[in-house]
Amino acid sequence: MAFRTDFLGILLILLGIISYFATGMISITALIPAFFGIVFVILAWLANKKESWNQHIMHVSVLVALIGIIGSISGLIDLIGGDVTSSAIAKAIMALLLIIYFIMAIKSFVDARRA
């Protein structure tokens, strides 16, 4: 799971940087996906650093993902409603990435519990 967390973090950092430049570098809020990405990269690094922390760190990463989903789900709602702006697209992509990660993490936890 730590590799997936690291990969997600890198994708979110790239999304934040791209959306920041796509919006004309006007607002720092376009970098919110990058801030989440940095948190995920740090969590992945901590999980790899000390094996005994892995389970706890991955639970924290799922909590961070859930917070991110709650904060970015409005982007999906905006796109469905027809509001196609760069911020709505960035929030929707962030929400989709986090939802996919959340589902994979829950599946991983269930599989680990069964094993």
C-alpha atoms as a PDB file:
ATOM      1  CA  MET A   1       0.000   0.000   0.000  1.00  0.00           C
ATOM      2  CA  ALA A   2       2.914   2.373   0.623  1.00  0.00           C
ATOM      3  CA  PHE A   3       3.866   2.298  -3.069  1.00  0.00           C
ATOM      4  CA  ARG A   4       0.299   3.161  -4.077  1.00  0.00           C
ATOM      5  CA  THR A   5       0.277   5.980  -1.542  1.00  0.00           C
ATOM      6  CA  ASP A   6       3.519   7.357  -2.916  1.00  0.00           C
ATOM      7  CA  PHE A   7       2.245   7.094  -6.496  1.00  0.00           C
ATOM      8  CA  LEU A   8      -0.996   8.860  -5.550  1.00  0.00           C
ATOM      9  CA  GLY A   9       1.008  11.607  -3.863  1.00  0.00           C
ATOM     10  CA  ILE A  10       3.094  12.189  -6.971  1.00  0.00           C
ATOM     11  CA  LEU A  11      -0.028  12.290  -9.168  1.00  0.00           C
ATOM     12  CA  LEU A  12      -1.672  14.824  -6.851  1.00  0.00           C
ATOM     13  CA  ILE A  13       1.455  16.985  -6.794  1.00  0.00           C
ATOM     14  CA  LEU A  14       1.505  17.005 -10.594  1.00  0.00           C
ATOM     15  CA  LEU A  15      -2.228  17.776 -10.703  1.00  0.00           C
ATOM     16  CA  GLY A  16      -1.754  20.709  -8.328  1.00  0.00           C
ATOM     17  CA  ILE A  17       1.147  22.157 -10.290  1.00  0.00           C
ATOM     18  CA  ILE A  18      -0.643  21.754 -13.616  1.00  0.00           C
ATOM     19  CA  SER A  19      -3.854  23.305 -12.300  1.00  0.00           C
ATOM     20  CA  TYR A  20      -1.907  26.178 -10.757  1.00  0.00           C
ATOM     21  CA  PHE A  21      -0.327  27.042 -14.097  1.00  0.00           C
ATOM     22  CA  ALA A  22      -3.588  26.371 -15.977  1.00  0.00           C
ATOM     23  CA  THR A  23      -5.375  28.970 -13.857  1.00  0.00           C
ATOM     24  CA  GLY A  24      -2.732  31.584 -14.591  1.00  0.00           C
ATOM     25  CA  MET A  25      -0.956  31.288 -11.226  1.00  0.00           C
ATOM     26  CA  ILE A  26      -3.549  33.621  -9.683  1.00  0.00           C
ATOM     27  CA  SER A  27      -4.695  31.618  -6.672  1.00  0.00           C
ATOM     28  CA  ILE A  28      -2.751  29.439  -4.279  1.00  0.00           C
ATOM     29  CA  THR A  29      -5.873  27.274  -3.837  1.00  0.00           C
ATOM     30  CA  ALA A  30      -5.107  25.652  -7.189  1.00  0.00           C
ATOM     31  CA  LEU A  31      -2.211  23.969  -5.379  1.00  0.00           C
ATOM     32  CA  ILE A  32      -4.473  22.166  -2.883  1.00  0.00           C
ATOM     33  CA  PRO A  33      -4.041  18.819  -4.701  1.00  0.00           C
ATOM     34  CA  ALA A  34      -0.264  19.293  -4.446  1.00  0.00           C
ATOM     35  CA  PHE A  35      -0.521  19.908  -0.698  1.00  0.00           C
ATOM     36  CA  PHE A  36      -2.475  16.667  -0.319  1.00  0.00           C
ATOM     37  CA  GLY A  37       0.100  14.971  -2.528  1.00  0.00           C
ATOM     38  CA  ILE A  38       2.929  16.102  -0.281  1.00  0.00           C
ATOM     39  CA  VAL A  39       1.106  14.629   2.712  1.00  0.00           C
ATOM     40  CA  PHE A  40       0.697  11.297   0.897  1.00  0.00           C
ATOM     41  CA  VAL A  41       4.369  11.202  -0.120  1.00  0.00           C
ATOM     42  CA  ILE A  42       5.391  11.871   3.496  1.00  0.00           C
ATOM     43  CA  LEU A  43       3.039   9.162   4.761  1.00  0.00           C
ATOM     44  CA  ALA A  44       4.429   6.661   2.240  1.00  0.00           C
ATOM     45  CA  TRP A  45       7.960   7.545   3.272  1.00  0.00           C
ATOM     46  CA  LEU A  46       7.087   7.045   6.957  1.00  0.00           C
ATOM     47  CA  ALA A  47       5.414   3.702   6.208  1.00  0.00           C
ATOM     48  CA  ASN A  48       8.537   2.512   4.384  1.00  0.00           C
ATOM     49  CA  LYS A  49      10.893   3.867   7.030  1.00  0.00           C
ATOM     50  CA  LYS A  50       9.617   1.791   9.922  1.00  0.00           C
ATOM     51  CA  GLU A  51       7.745  -1.436   9.234  1.00  0.00           C
ATOM     52  CA  SER A  52       5.958  -1.404  12.595  1.00  0.00           C
ATOM     53  CA  TRP A  53       4.317   1.918  11.660  1.00  0.00           C
ATOM     54  CA  ASN A  54       3.054   0.683   8.293  1.00  0.00           C
ATOM     55  CA  GLN A  55      -0.437  -0.344   9.399  1.00  0.00           C
ATOM     56  CA  HIS A  56      -1.042   2.841  11.390  1.00  0.00           C
ATOM     57  CA  ILE A  57       0.339   5.118   8.684  1.00  0.00           C
ATOM     58  CA  MET A  58      -1.843   3.478   6.044  1.00  0.00           C
ATOM     59  CA  HIS A  59      -4.911   4.020   8.216  1.00  0.00           C
ATOM     60  CA  VAL A  60      -3.964   7.687   8.504  1.00  0.00           C
ATOM     61  CA  SER A  61      -3.539   7.882   4.724  1.00  0.00           C
ATOM     62  CA  VAL A  62      -7.064   6.534   4.232  1.00  0.00           C
ATOM     63  CA  LEU A  63      -8.373   9.164   6.640  1.00  0.00           C
ATOM     64  CA  VAL A  64      -6.538  11.882   4.681  1.00  0.00           C
ATOM     65  CA  ALA A  65      -8.019  10.453   1.467  1.00  0.00           C
ATOM     66  CA  LEU A  66     -11.506  10.574   2.958  1.00  0.00           C
ATOM     67  CA  ILE A  67     -11.012  14.210   3.958  1.00  0.00           C
ATOM     68  CA  GLY A  68      -9.800  14.953   0.439  1.00  0.00           C
ATOM     69  CA  ILE A  69     -12.802  13.193  -1.089  1.00  0.00           C
ATOM     70  CA  ILE A  70     -15.180  15.234   1.031  1.00  0.00           C
ATOM     71  CA  GLY A  71     -13.412  18.433   0.020  1.00  0.00           C
ATOM     72  CA  SER A  72     -13.180  17.694  -3.692  1.00  0.00           C
ATOM     73  CA  ILE A  73     -16.409  15.834  -4.450  1.00  0.00           C
ATOM     74  CA  SER A  74     -18.012  19.157  -5.388  1.00  0.00           C
ATOM     75  CA  GLY A  75     -15.840  19.141  -8.519  1.00  0.00           C
ATOM     76  CA  LEU A  76     -17.616  16.013  -9.741  1.00  0.00           C
ATOM     77  CA  ILE A  77     -20.969  17.570  -8.913  1.00  0.00           C
ATOM     78  CA  ASP A  78     -20.004  20.729 -10.801  1.00  0.00           C
ATOM     79  CA  LEU A  79     -18.962  18.744 -13.876  1.00  0.00           C
ATOM     80  CA  ILE A  80     -22.181  16.764 -13.846  1.00  0.00           C
ATOM     81  CA  GLY A  81     -24.077  20.062 -13.584  1.00  0.00           C
ATOM     82  CA  GLY A  82     -22.265  21.443 -16.627  1.00  0.00           C
ATOM     83  CA  ASP A  83     -19.815  23.811 -14.914  1.00  0.00           C
ATOM     84  CA  VAL A  84     -16.691  22.957 -16.889  1.00  0.00           C
ATOM     85  CA  THR A  85     -14.009  25.186 -15.404  1.00  0.00           C
ATOM     86  CA  SER A  86     -10.376  24.374 -14.746  1.00  0.00           C
ATOM     87  CA  SER A  87     -10.978  24.340 -10.994  1.00  0.00           C
ATOM     88  CA  ALA A  88     -13.955  21.975 -11.341  1.00  0.00           C
ATOM     89  CA  ILE A  89     -11.905  19.672 -13.554  1.00  0.00           C
ATOM     90  CA  ALA A  90      -8.976  19.662 -11.105  1.00  0.00           C
ATOM     91  CA  LYS A  91     -11.279  18.969  -8.153  1.00  0.00           C
ATOM     92  CA  ALA A  92     -13.040  16.202 -10.071  1.00  0.00           C
ATOM     93  CA  ILE A  93      -9.749  14.544 -11.003  1.00  0.00           C
ATOM     94  CA  MET A  94      -8.589  14.803  -7.397  1.00  0.00           C
ATOM     95  CA  ALA A  95     -11.863  13.285  -6.184  1.00  0.00           C
ATOM     96  CA  LEU A  96     -11.634  10.399  -8.669  1.00  0.00           C
ATOM     97  CA  LEU A  97      -8.018   9.648  -7.755  1.00  0.00           C
ATOM     98  CA  LEU A  98      -8.839   9.682  -4.052  1.00  0.00           C
ATOM     99  CA  ILE A  99     -11.949   7.536  -4.481  1.00  0.00           C
ATOM    100  CA  ILE A 100      -9.937   4.936  -6.409  1.00  0.00           C
ATOM    101  CA  TYR A 101      -7.220   5.012  -3.740  1.00  0.00           C
ATOM    102  CA  PHE A 102      -9.806   4.738  -0.956  1.00  0.00           C
ATOM    103  CA  ILE A 103     -11.422   1.674  -2.565  1.00  0.00           C
ATOM    104  CA  MET A 104      -8.038   0.008  -3.140  1.00  0.00           C
ATOM    105  CA  ALA A 105      -7.015   0.714   0.465  1.00  0.00           C
ATOM    106  CA  ILE A 106     -10.207  -0.743   1.908  1.00  0.00           C
ATOM    107  CA  LYS A 107      -9.763  -3.835  -0.287  1.00  0.00           C
ATOM    108  CA  SER A 108      -6.169  -4.129   0.934  1.00  0.00           C
ATOM    109  CA  PHE A 109      -7.283  -3.885   4.565  1.00  0.00           C
ATOM    110  CA  VAL A 110      -9.948  -6.548   4.054  1.00  0.00           C
ATOM    111  CA  ASP A 111      -7.465  -8.859   2.302  1.00  0.00           C
ATOM    112  CA  ALA A 112      -4.901  -8.357   5.084  1.00  0.00           C
ATOM    113  CA  ARG A 113      -7.515  -9.109   7.701  1.00  0.00           C
ATOM    114  CA  ARG A 114      -8.517 -12.327   5.953  1.00  0.00           C
ATOM    115  CA  ALA A 115      -4.891 -13.486   5.632  1.00  0.00           C
END
